[in-house]
Amino acid sequence: MRRLTQGAAAIAMMALAACSSDRATEPQLTPTDDKAAESAVGWAVRVTNSNDDGPGSLRAAIAVVNGSTRTSVIQFDAGLAPILLLSPVTYTGPQPLTLLGRGVVLDGTSTGGDVFVATGGGNLTLQDITVQKGTRHGVLILVPATRTGTQSLRLANAHILDNRLHGVYMQDQVLDPALVVDQAPNAFDSPASLQVTVVGGSVLRNGLAPGRSDFDGIRINEGGAGDLRFSISGTVVKFNGADGIETDERGTGSVIASASSTTFDQNGPNDPLDPDDGWDIDEAGEGDINATVSGSTFNGNFDEGLDVTELDGGSILASVTDVVANGNTDEGVKFTESAGGDLTVNLTRVTNNDTVEEEGIQVEELGEGNVVVTFTDVTALRNGASHPSAEIKENIDIRERDGGNLTATWLRVAANASANDDGAVIDERGAGNLSASITSSEFRNNALQSLELRESDAGTGAATLTSVIRTGNLVSDAVRNTGGVTITIVP
């Protein structure tokens, strides 16, 4: 019996050694993080109180994940009071990190700077968290210059509120030193792509610091060779000082952007000399822009509602469906291609009324690329009433200004009651050709004529109007034909 007992003891000692070996592979915590160590569950660390520092705090949890690449989740206890941070919380790890907020509020009133900062290149998820009242940025992500692959940010039911500069700022560009004022450090342009996903939540009243300009609700800057991928759904983006959202790609990569069921309203008032947009999508390198927007609003912004601009040789491919863009100061929906790329725009069930100063809808190609616009069930009414220089503005303005072709196919388009110009203009001014097919549409009660078709220079122009209503226009109900477009009228 004694020999059996000794054997059992040996087995028990071996089991204890094995358990100790397993524990040795877990994150090693400093002695001051004992409470955090006790709270660790697998690779998660719990935040159990609302203190700025000390055991159980967010700052202690961040110290754990900064010290262990195997720790990837911070979970907040439910029902915590707002965490009043006294300085920014900085995550330096390279591993993915998820913050499961369970309704927690991170308050940056007393940080003297940003609220939450990430510098290590790790992917970041903020879920069920409010980040508010940062004296600089709410969430600042600095992409390391050596980052490769894809660095991602996911906001899931996150609320980004009342931060004085950018609400969320993801920075991967080398900026002009003369323009770096309250921006991030200036050494980026990594090879990495950026991927940002926003689901639910809100982005409200950021970037309203007095005397500060161009601070957005969300700003994503991508430089270098990577792409910028941005997706937002079911989110409210309102009352931000500059753009509600700006996605800016300046390298050789492309922009792939989508929005659904999102509100982009009343953004851009903070700089009266340079007001801003609901959503500004920019690509300044050789890449393309591919944008898809559905079920969203762009109302009452202080510049454009939706502004999509390609500044180099890339092309724009855009699809906009079930969108309302009313009462913006400048164009409600605007697409500009400035170099040699093509511009392809599909609008379906889009309403764009009561723009204050500019056209309602504008599609403009400034280079040699082709323009293809397909409009179905599009309404543009009463636009351009109050331009400060009394310039004349149409409800819809489609222009190709260089050597490409312009093709317009419109079905059930209403361009009525333009305040001081024609209902719409389709204008090809380079060596390319104009081809237009307009069906079951109306151009009524405009200040000048119903519709202008223009083909200039060496190209040819042809248009077919089928079941088109042209009545009540103050100068003439006739189609203004500039440059010899061949027009076929089908009752």
Protein backbone atom coordinates (compact mmCIF):
# COMPACT_ATOMS: atom_id res chain seq x y z
CA MET A 1 0.00 0.00 0.00
CA ARG A 2 2.84 2.39 0.82
CA ARG A 3 4.32 1.85 -2.65
CA LEU A 4 0.93 2.67 -4.24
CA THR A 5 0.65 5.85 -2.18
CA GLN A 6 4.14 6.95 -3.21
CA GLY A 7 3.25 6.29 -6.86
CA ALA A 8 0.10 8.39 -6.57
CA ALA A 9 2.10 11.20 -5.05
CA ALA A 10 4.57 11.07 -7.93
CA ILE A 11 1.72 11.29 -10.42
CA ALA A 12 0.28 14.30 -8.59
CA MET A 13 3.65 16.03 -8.63
CA MET A 14 3.93 15.45 -12.38
CA ALA A 15 0.45 16.96 -12.92
CA LEU A 16 1.35 20.01 -10.89
CA ALA A 17 4.51 20.47 -12.94
CA ALA A 18 2.52 20.24 -16.14
CA CYS A 19 0.06 22.88 -14.87
CA SER A 20 2.95 25.14 -13.93
CA SER A 21 4.40 24.70 -17.41
CA ASP A 22 1.06 25.69 -18.96
CA ARG A 23 0.82 28.80 -16.80
CA ALA A 24 4.32 29.78 -17.81
CA THR A 25 3.11 30.26 -21.38
CA GLU A 26 0.49 32.82 -20.30
CA PRO A 27 1.26 36.57 -20.42
CA GLN A 28 3.85 37.55 -17.86
CA LEU A 29 2.53 40.45 -15.78
CA THR A 30 4.50 42.88 -13.67
CA PRO A 31 4.03 42.72 -9.87
CA THR A 32 2.01 45.96 -9.93
CA ASP A 33 -0.55 44.27 -12.22
CA ASP A 34 -1.57 41.58 -9.73
CA LYS A 35 -5.29 42.42 -9.97
CA ALA A 36 -5.13 42.41 -13.73
CA ALA A 37 -3.38 39.04 -13.53
CA GLU A 38 -6.15 37.69 -11.33
CA SER A 39 -8.70 39.02 -13.82
CA ALA A 40 -7.04 37.50 -16.89
CA VAL A 41 -9.28 34.95 -18.60
CA GLY A 42 -7.48 33.11 -21.40
CA TRP A 43 -5.97 35.95 -23.43
CA ALA A 44 -8.50 38.56 -22.21
CA VAL A 45 -7.92 41.14 -19.51
CA ARG A 46 -10.82 42.61 -17.54
CA VAL A 47 -11.31 46.23 -16.59
CA THR A 48 -13.18 46.18 -13.29
CA ASN A 49 -13.31 49.84 -12.26
CA SER A 50 -13.37 53.39 -13.62
CA ASN A 51 -10.11 54.56 -12.11
CA ASP A 52 -7.60 56.37 -14.30
CA ASP A 53 -4.79 54.08 -13.11
CA GLY A 54 -4.03 51.23 -10.79
CA PRO A 55 -5.26 47.64 -10.46
CA GLY A 56 -8.36 46.85 -12.49
CA SER A 57 -8.12 50.05 -14.56
CA LEU A 58 -7.99 50.44 -18.32
CA ARG A 59 -4.47 51.79 -18.06
CA ALA A 60 -3.37 48.66 -16.18
CA ALA A 61 -5.05 46.47 -18.80
CA ILE A 62 -3.26 48.33 -21.60
CA ALA A 63 0.03 47.74 -19.77
CA VAL A 64 -0.74 44.02 -19.85
CA VAL A 65 -1.43 43.90 -23.59
CA ASN A 66 1.56 46.13 -24.34
CA GLY A 67 3.71 43.59 -22.50
CA SER A 68 2.32 40.42 -24.06
CA THR A 69 1.73 39.79 -27.74
CA ARG A 70 -0.55 36.89 -26.79
CA THR A 71 -3.08 39.13 -25.05
CA SER A 72 -5.63 40.42 -27.55
CA VAL A 73 -8.87 41.27 -25.70
CA ILE A 74 -9.75 43.83 -23.04
CA GLN A 75 -13.22 43.36 -21.59
CA PHE A 76 -14.90 46.00 -19.45
CA ASP A 77 -17.27 45.03 -16.67
CA ALA A 78 -20.83 46.09 -17.40
CA GLY A 79 -22.20 49.19 -15.70
CA LEU A 80 -18.93 51.03 -15.10
CA ALA A 81 -19.10 54.77 -14.55
CA PRO A 82 -17.40 56.95 -17.18
CA ILE A 83 -13.62 56.60 -17.08
CA LEU A 84 -12.19 60.10 -16.64
CA LEU A 85 -8.70 59.77 -18.10
CA LEU A 86 -5.99 62.12 -16.89
CA SER A 87 -3.66 61.45 -19.85
CA PRO A 88 -3.91 59.57 -23.14
CA VAL A 89 -3.99 55.78 -23.08
CA THR A 90 -1.48 54.40 -25.58
CA TYR A 91 -1.48 50.91 -27.08
CA THR A 92 1.93 50.02 -28.52
CA GLY A 93 1.49 46.35 -29.39
CA PRO A 94 1.70 44.80 -32.87
CA GLN A 95 -1.00 42.20 -32.21
CA PRO A 96 -4.73 42.63 -32.90
CA LEU A 97 -6.58 44.17 -29.96
CA THR A 98 -10.32 44.18 -29.26
CA LEU A 99 -11.87 46.40 -26.60
CA LEU A 100 -15.26 45.02 -25.53
CA GLY A 101 -16.69 48.10 -23.90
CA ARG A 102 -20.16 46.93 -22.80
CA GLY A 103 -21.30 50.55 -22.85
CA VAL A 104 -18.28 52.15 -21.19
CA VAL A 105 -17.43 55.84 -21.74
CA LEU A 106 -13.82 56.97 -22.15
CA ASP A 107 -13.81 60.68 -21.29
CA GLY A 108 -10.82 62.77 -22.40
CA THR A 109 -11.76 66.09 -20.84
CA SER A 110 -8.65 66.05 -18.65
CA THR A 111 -6.17 64.22 -20.89
CA GLY A 112 -4.55 67.36 -22.25
CA GLY A 113 -4.40 65.53 -25.57
CA ASP A 114 -5.84 62.49 -27.32
CA VAL A 115 -8.04 59.91 -25.60
CA PHE A 116 -6.89 56.58 -27.08
CA VAL A 117 -3.71 56.20 -29.14
CA ALA A 118 -2.39 53.16 -31.05
CA THR A 119 1.17 53.19 -32.45
CA GLY A 120 2.32 49.58 -32.81
CA GLY A 121 0.58 48.59 -36.04
CA GLY A 122 -1.85 46.14 -34.47
CA ASN A 123 -5.39 45.83 -35.83
CA LEU A 124 -7.90 47.49 -33.52
CA THR A 125 -11.58 46.87 -32.73
CA LEU A 126 -13.62 49.17 -30.50
CA GLN A 127 -16.99 47.64 -29.65
CA ASP A 128 -19.78 49.19 -27.56
CA ILE A 129 -17.56 52.07 -26.45
CA THR A 130 -17.98 55.85 -26.32
CA VAL A 131 -14.86 57.97 -26.85
CA GLN A 132 -15.59 61.59 -26.03
CA LYS A 133 -14.30 65.05 -25.20
CA GLY A 134 -10.66 64.60 -26.14
CA THR A 135 -8.81 67.90 -26.06
CA ARG A 136 -7.17 66.74 -29.30
CA HIS A 137 -8.23 63.61 -31.19
CA GLY A 138 -10.59 61.00 -29.82
CA VAL A 139 -8.90 57.93 -31.36
CA LEU A 140 -5.46 58.42 -32.94
CA ILE A 141 -3.87 55.55 -34.91
CA LEU A 142 -0.34 56.09 -36.21
CA VAL A 143 0.56 53.50 -38.82
CA PRO A 144 4.24 52.50 -38.50
CA ALA A 145 6.33 53.33 -41.56
CA THR A 146 7.43 49.67 -41.69
CA ARG A 147 3.88 48.23 -41.58
CA THR A 148 3.06 45.84 -44.41
CA GLY A 149 -0.04 43.83 -45.27
CA THR A 150 -3.29 45.41 -44.06
CA GLN A 151 -3.82 47.39 -40.89
CA SER A 152 -7.46 47.52 -39.84
CA LEU A 153 -9.78 49.48 -37.61
CA ARG A 154 -13.29 48.30 -36.73
CA LEU A 155 -15.82 50.43 -34.87
CA ALA A 156 -18.84 48.39 -33.79
CA ASN A 157 -21.59 50.36 -32.06
CA ALA A 158 -18.97 52.92 -31.07
CA HIS A 159 -19.86 56.53 -30.34
CA ILE A 160 -17.24 59.18 -31.16
CA LEU A 161 -18.44 62.42 -29.60
CA ASP A 162 -17.33 65.99 -28.95
CA ASN A 163 -13.59 65.60 -29.52
CA ARG A 164 -11.98 68.96 -30.27
CA LEU A 165 -9.96 67.83 -33.31
CA HIS A 166 -10.57 64.65 -35.34
CA GLY A 167 -12.95 62.19 -33.76
CA VAL A 168 -11.00 59.28 -35.30
CA TYR A 169 -7.68 59.90 -37.06
CA MET A 170 -5.83 57.06 -38.81
CA GLN A 171 -2.61 58.50 -40.22
CA ASP A 172 -0.35 56.91 -42.84
CA GLN A 173 0.83 59.89 -44.92
CA VAL A 174 3.85 62.12 -45.05
CA LEU A 175 2.33 65.57 -44.71
CA ASP A 176 3.58 68.92 -45.89
CA PRO A 177 5.45 70.30 -42.84
CA ALA A 178 3.98 73.72 -43.52
CA LEU A 179 0.51 72.26 -43.08
CA VAL A 180 1.15 70.12 -40.00
CA VAL A 181 -0.71 71.97 -37.30
CA ASP A 182 -2.10 69.80 -34.49
CA GLN A 183 -1.66 66.79 -36.77
CA ALA A 184 0.21 63.57 -36.11
CA PRO A 185 4.00 63.08 -36.37
CA ASN A 186 5.22 63.26 -39.93
CA ALA A 187 6.95 59.99 -41.03
CA PHE A 188 4.64 57.48 -42.66
CA ASP A 189 3.70 56.38 -46.22
CA SER A 190 3.97 52.72 -45.24
CA PRO A 191 3.48 49.93 -47.82
CA ALA A 192 0.40 48.75 -45.92
CA SER A 193 -3.22 48.97 -46.97
CA LEU A 194 -5.75 50.41 -44.54
CA GLN A 195 -9.12 48.79 -43.90
CA VAL A 196 -11.72 50.62 -41.82
CA THR A 197 -15.16 49.22 -40.97
CA VAL A 198 -17.80 51.20 -39.08
CA VAL A 199 -21.01 49.44 -38.04
CA GLY A 200 -23.70 51.29 -36.09
CA GLY A 201 -22.93 53.93 -33.52
CA SER A 202 -22.48 57.64 -34.13
CA VAL A 203 -19.88 60.29 -34.98
CA LEU A 204 -21.10 63.62 -33.64
CA ARG A 205 -19.80 67.16 -32.98
CA ASN A 206 -16.09 66.48 -33.48
CA GLY A 207 -13.64 69.05 -34.84
CA LEU A 208 -15.36 72.11 -33.44
CA ALA A 209 -12.41 73.64 -31.58
CA PRO A 210 -12.60 77.43 -32.03
CA GLY A 211 -10.14 78.77 -34.57
CA ARG A 212 -9.21 75.30 -35.85
CA SER A 213 -9.88 74.20 -39.42
CA ASP A 214 -10.21 70.89 -41.25
CA PHE A 215 -10.81 68.50 -38.38
CA ASP A 216 -13.28 65.78 -39.26
CA GLY A 217 -15.54 63.27 -37.62
CA ILE A 218 -13.40 60.48 -39.10
CA ARG A 219 -10.21 61.12 -41.11
CA ILE A 220 -8.38 58.24 -42.79
CA ASN A 221 -5.08 59.16 -44.52
CA GLU A 222 -3.40 56.46 -46.63
CA GLY A 223 -0.04 56.99 -48.33
CA GLY A 224 2.39 54.66 -50.01
CA ALA A 225 1.53 51.65 -52.15
CA GLY A 226 -1.45 50.26 -50.24
CA ASP A 227 -5.17 50.60 -50.83
CA LEU A 228 -7.69 52.37 -48.64
CA ARG A 229 -10.81 50.29 -47.95
CA PHE A 230 -13.60 51.96 -46.03
CA SER A 231 -17.06 50.66 -45.18
CA ILE A 232 -19.75 52.26 -43.03
CA SER A 233 -23.28 51.09 -42.30
CA GLY A 234 -26.08 52.08 -39.96
CA THR A 235 -24.18 55.05 -38.50
CA VAL A 236 -25.13 58.65 -37.72
CA VAL A 237 -22.47 61.18 -38.82
CA LYS A 238 -23.64 64.71 -37.97
CA PHE A 239 -22.61 68.16 -36.78
CA ASN A 240 -18.84 67.66 -37.23
CA GLY A 241 -16.72 70.79 -37.73
CA ALA A 242 -15.17 69.80 -41.06
CA ASP A 243 -16.01 66.73 -43.15
CA GLY A 244 -18.23 64.17 -41.50
CA ILE A 245 -15.82 61.62 -42.98
CA GLU A 246 -12.75 62.16 -45.14
CA THR A 247 -11.04 59.20 -46.80
CA ASP A 248 -7.81 60.37 -48.47
CA GLU A 249 -5.51 58.14 -50.54
CA ARG A 250 -2.32 59.77 -51.89
CA GLY A 251 -0.17 56.86 -53.00
CA THR A 252 -0.37 54.36 -55.84
CA GLY A 253 -3.19 52.39 -54.26
CA SER A 254 -6.93 52.68 -54.81
CA VAL A 255 -9.92 53.69 -52.71
CA ILE A 256 -12.67 51.11 -52.27
CA ALA A 257 -15.47 52.74 -50.29
CA SER A 258 -19.04 51.86 -49.38
CA ALA A 259 -21.80 53.33 -47.25
CA SER A 260 -25.27 52.00 -46.46
CA SER A 261 -28.09 53.21 -44.23
CA THR A 262 -25.95 56.05 -42.89
CA THR A 263 -26.72 59.69 -42.14
CA PHE A 264 -24.17 62.31 -43.26
CA ASP A 265 -25.95 65.53 -42.30
CA GLN A 266 -25.05 69.08 -41.26
CA ASN A 267 -21.28 68.72 -41.29
CA GLY A 268 -18.62 71.30 -42.14
CA PRO A 269 -19.42 74.65 -40.47
CA ASN A 270 -16.26 75.32 -38.49
CA ASP A 271 -14.31 77.29 -41.11
CA PRO A 272 -16.61 79.75 -42.92
CA LEU A 273 -13.89 80.43 -45.53
CA ASP A 274 -13.46 76.73 -46.31
CA PRO A 275 -16.56 74.76 -45.32
CA ASP A 276 -16.66 71.00 -45.64
CA ASP A 277 -18.65 68.00 -46.78
CA GLY A 278 -20.74 65.15 -45.53
CA TRP A 279 -18.31 62.59 -47.01
CA ASP A 280 -15.18 63.54 -48.94
CA ILE A 281 -13.49 60.74 -50.92
CA ASP A 282 -10.13 61.74 -52.46
CA GLU A 283 -7.55 59.79 -54.47
CA ALA A 284 -4.42 61.69 -55.51
CA GLY A 285 -2.19 58.96 -56.95
CA GLU A 286 -2.42 56.46 -59.77
CA GLY A 287 -5.10 54.31 -58.20
CA ASP A 288 -8.84 54.27 -58.83
CA ILE A 289 -11.91 55.10 -56.76
CA ASN A 290 -14.66 52.51 -56.50
CA ALA A 291 -17.53 53.91 -54.41
CA THR A 292 -20.91 52.38 -53.58
CA VAL A 293 -23.52 54.29 -51.57
CA SER A 294 -27.03 53.12 -50.74
CA GLY A 295 -29.89 54.05 -48.44
CA SER A 296 -28.14 57.10 -47.01
CA THR A 297 -28.70 60.85 -46.57
CA PHE A 298 -26.41 63.81 -47.22
CA ASN A 299 -28.48 66.79 -46.08
CA GLY A 300 -27.62 70.31 -44.99
CA ASN A 301 -23.84 70.06 -45.21
CA PHE A 302 -21.93 73.34 -45.47
CA ASP A 303 -20.13 72.34 -48.69
CA GLU A 304 -20.91 69.24 -50.77
CA GLY A 305 -22.97 66.35 -49.50
CA LEU A 306 -21.02 63.55 -51.24
CA ASP A 307 -17.78 64.72 -52.91
CA VAL A 308 -15.72 62.16 -54.87
CA THR A 309 -12.48 63.43 -56.45
CA GLU A 310 -9.77 61.64 -58.45
CA LEU A 311 -6.75 63.94 -58.90
CA ASP A 312 -4.46 61.78 -60.99
CA GLY A 313 -4.58 59.13 -63.71
CA GLY A 314 -7.00 56.75 -62.03
CA SER A 315 -10.68 56.28 -62.82
CA ILE A 316 -13.88 56.64 -60.81
CA LEU A 317 -16.57 53.97 -60.74
CA ALA A 318 -19.51 55.00 -58.56
CA SER A 319 -22.95 53.59 -57.81
CA VAL A 320 -25.40 55.65 -55.73
CA THR A 321 -28.79 54.17 -54.89
CA ASP A 322 -31.67 55.35 -52.68
CA VAL A 323 -29.91 58.50 -51.55
CA VAL A 324 -31.31 61.89 -50.50
CA ALA A 325 -28.97 64.90 -50.68
CA ASN A 326 -31.01 68.04 -49.99
CA GLY A 327 -30.18 71.54 -48.81
CA ASN A 328 -26.39 71.41 -49.04
CA THR A 329 -24.55 74.67 -49.66
CA ASP A 330 -22.76 73.29 -52.72
CA GLU A 331 -23.49 70.23 -54.83
CA GLY A 332 -25.43 67.47 -53.16
CA VAL A 333 -23.64 64.78 -55.19
CA LYS A 334 -20.39 65.62 -57.01
CA PHE A 335 -17.88 63.53 -58.97
CA THR A 336 -14.68 65.02 -60.41
CA GLU A 337 -11.95 63.27 -62.43
CA SER A 338 -9.05 65.65 -62.98
CA ALA A 339 -6.63 63.71 -65.20
CA GLY A 340 -6.83 60.94 -67.80
CA GLY A 341 -9.01 58.35 -66.11
CA ASP A 342 -12.59 57.44 -66.94
CA LEU A 343 -15.62 58.55 -64.95
CA THR A 344 -18.54 56.12 -64.67
CA VAL A 345 -21.49 57.11 -62.47
CA ASN A 346 -24.75 55.23 -61.89
CA LEU A 347 -27.47 57.04 -59.92
CA THR A 348 -30.70 55.22 -59.06
CA ARG A 349 -33.52 56.72 -56.98
CA VAL A 350 -31.51 59.78 -55.98
CA THR A 351 -33.12 63.04 -54.80
CA ASN A 352 -31.04 66.21 -54.81
CA ASN A 353 -33.04 69.36 -54.11
CA ASP A 354 -32.52 72.91 -52.83
CA THR A 355 -28.76 73.24 -53.09
CA VAL A 356 -28.03 76.79 -51.96
CA GLU A 357 -25.17 77.97 -54.22
CA GLU A 358 -24.15 75.34 -56.76
CA GLU A 359 -25.59 72.67 -59.03
CA GLY A 360 -27.58 69.88 -57.50
CA ILE A 361 -25.70 67.02 -59.22
CA GLN A 362 -22.36 67.49 -60.96
CA VAL A 363 -20.27 64.96 -62.90
CA GLU A 364 -17.13 66.50 -64.43
CA GLU A 365 -14.18 65.03 -66.34
CA LEU A 366 -11.29 67.50 -66.70
CA GLY A 367 -8.88 65.15 -68.47
CA GLU A 368 -8.99 62.92 -71.54
CA GLY A 369 -11.03 60.12 -70.03
CA ASN A 370 -14.53 59.05 -70.98
CA VAL A 371 -17.69 59.90 -69.04
CA VAL A 372 -20.58 57.44 -68.75
CA VAL A 373 -23.57 58.52 -66.67
CA THR A 374 -26.63 56.35 -66.13
CA PHE A 375 -29.49 57.97 -64.19
CA THR A 376 -32.72 56.20 -63.25
CA ASP A 377 -35.44 57.84 -61.15
CA VAL A 378 -33.36 60.90 -60.33
CA THR A 379 -34.91 64.15 -59.06
CA ALA A 380 -33.09 67.50 -58.91
CA LEU A 381 -35.20 70.55 -58.08
CA ARG A 382 -34.70 74.24 -57.16
CA ASN A 383 -30.91 74.15 -57.04
CA GLY A 384 -28.43 77.05 -57.19
CA ALA A 385 -30.71 79.82 -55.97
CA SER A 386 -28.19 81.92 -54.04
CA HIS A 387 -24.72 81.81 -55.57
CA PRO A 388 -22.73 84.71 -54.03
CA SER A 389 -21.35 85.79 -57.44
CA ALA A 390 -24.71 85.37 -59.18
CA GLU A 391 -23.31 82.60 -61.37
CA ILE A 392 -25.89 80.54 -63.19
CA LYS A 393 -26.23 76.95 -61.99
CA GLU A 394 -28.20 74.04 -63.39
CA ASN A 395 -29.98 71.32 -61.49
CA ILE A 396 -27.80 68.71 -63.21
CA ASP A 397 -24.38 69.44 -64.77
CA ILE A 398 -22.56 66.74 -66.80
CA ARG A 399 -19.32 67.79 -68.53
CA GLU A 400 -16.41 66.21 -70.40
CA ARG A 401 -13.80 68.90 -71.04
CA ASP A 402 -11.05 67.15 -72.98
CA GLY A 403 -10.60 64.31 -75.50
CA GLY A 404 -12.92 61.63 -74.12
CA ASN A 405 -16.45 60.63 -75.05
CA LEU A 406 -19.57 61.48 -73.07
CA THR A 407 -22.44 58.99 -72.89
CA ALA A 408 -25.60 59.79 -70.92
CA THR A 409 -28.53 57.42 -70.47
CA TRP A 410 -31.36 58.89 -68.41
CA LEU A 411 -34.68 57.29 -67.48
CA ARG A 412 -37.32 59.12 -65.43
CA VAL A 413 -35.19 62.13 -64.57
CA ALA A 414 -36.81 65.33 -63.26
CA ALA A 415 -34.70 68.51 -63.44
CA ASN A 416 -37.19 71.25 -62.65
CA ALA A 417 -37.36 74.78 -61.27
CA SER A 418 -33.70 75.67 -61.60
CA ALA A 419 -33.39 79.09 -59.97
CA ASN A 420 -31.25 80.81 -62.62
CA ASP A 421 -30.30 78.43 -65.45
CA ASP A 422 -31.40 75.49 -67.59
CA GLY A 423 -32.79 72.36 -66.03
CA ALA A 424 -29.73 70.34 -67.02
CA VAL A 425 -26.64 70.51 -69.22
CA ILE A 426 -24.79 67.69 -71.02
CA ASP A 427 -21.57 69.18 -72.39
CA GLU A 428 -18.69 67.57 -74.35
CA ARG A 429 -15.97 70.11 -75.24
CA GLY A 430 -13.01 68.09 -76.46
CA ALA A 431 -12.36 65.86 -79.45
CA GLY A 432 -14.65 63.11 -78.19
CA ASN A 433 -18.27 62.42 -79.07
CA LEU A 434 -21.52 63.05 -77.22
CA SER A 435 -24.27 60.43 -77.11
CA ALA A 436 -27.43 60.95 -75.03
CA SER A 437 -30.63 58.96 -74.57
CA ILE A 438 -33.25 60.60 -72.36
CA THR A 439 -36.56 58.82 -71.75
CA SER A 440 -39.72 59.56 -69.74
CA SER A 441 -38.12 62.61 -68.16
CA GLU A 442 -39.11 66.21 -67.47
CA PHE A 443 -37.44 69.61 -67.57
CA ARG A 444 -40.05 72.11 -66.39
CA ASN A 445 -40.27 75.61 -64.94
CA ASN A 446 -36.56 76.41 -65.17
CA ALA A 447 -35.22 79.97 -65.24
CA LEU A 448 -33.77 79.66 -68.76
CA GLN A 449 -34.36 76.69 -71.05
CA SER A 450 -35.33 73.12 -70.46
CA LEU A 451 -32.08 71.38 -71.37
CA GLU A 452 -28.74 72.20 -72.97
CA LEU A 453 -26.81 69.77 -75.18
CA ARG A 454 -23.35 70.84 -76.30
CA GLU A 455 -20.73 69.22 -78.55
CA SER A 456 -17.64 71.34 -79.22
CA ASP A 457 -14.47 70.87 -81.24
CA ALA A 458 -13.97 67.88 -83.54
CA GLY A 459 -16.43 65.38 -82.08
CA THR A 460 -19.98 64.56 -83.09
CA GLY A 461 -23.12 64.74 -80.99
CA ALA A 462 -26.36 62.79 -81.12
CA ALA A 463 -29.27 62.72 -78.68
CA THR A 464 -32.65 60.99 -78.59
CA LEU A 465 -35.40 62.38 -76.38
CA THR A 466 -38.36 60.03 -75.88
CA SER A 467 -41.49 61.07 -73.94
CA VAL A 468 -39.74 64.10 -72.50
CA ILE A 469 -41.80 66.93 -70.98
CA ARG A 470 -40.46 70.46 -71.53
CA THR A 471 -42.94 73.07 -70.29
CA GLY A 472 -43.02 76.29 -68.30
CA ASN A 473 -39.38 77.22 -68.80
CA LEU A 474 -39.04 80.99 -68.66
CA VAL A 475 -36.90 81.60 -71.76
CA SER A 476 -37.75 78.62 -73.93
CA ASP A 477 -39.03 75.08 -73.71
CA ALA A 478 -36.76 74.15 -76.60
CA VAL A 479 -33.55 72.22 -76.14
CA ARG A 480 -30.57 74.56 -76.33
CA ASN A 481 -28.37 72.96 -78.98
CA THR A 482 -24.79 74.22 -78.94
CA GLY A 483 -22.26 72.85 -81.42
CA GLY A 484 -24.52 70.98 -83.83
CA VAL A 485 -25.85 68.02 -81.84
CA THR A 486 -28.24 65.92 -83.87
CA ILE A 487 -31.43 65.72 -81.78
CA THR A 488 -34.22 63.24 -82.38
CA ILE A 489 -37.52 63.94 -80.59
CA VAL A 490 -39.80 60.95 -80.07
CA PRO A 491 -43.23 61.82 -78.57
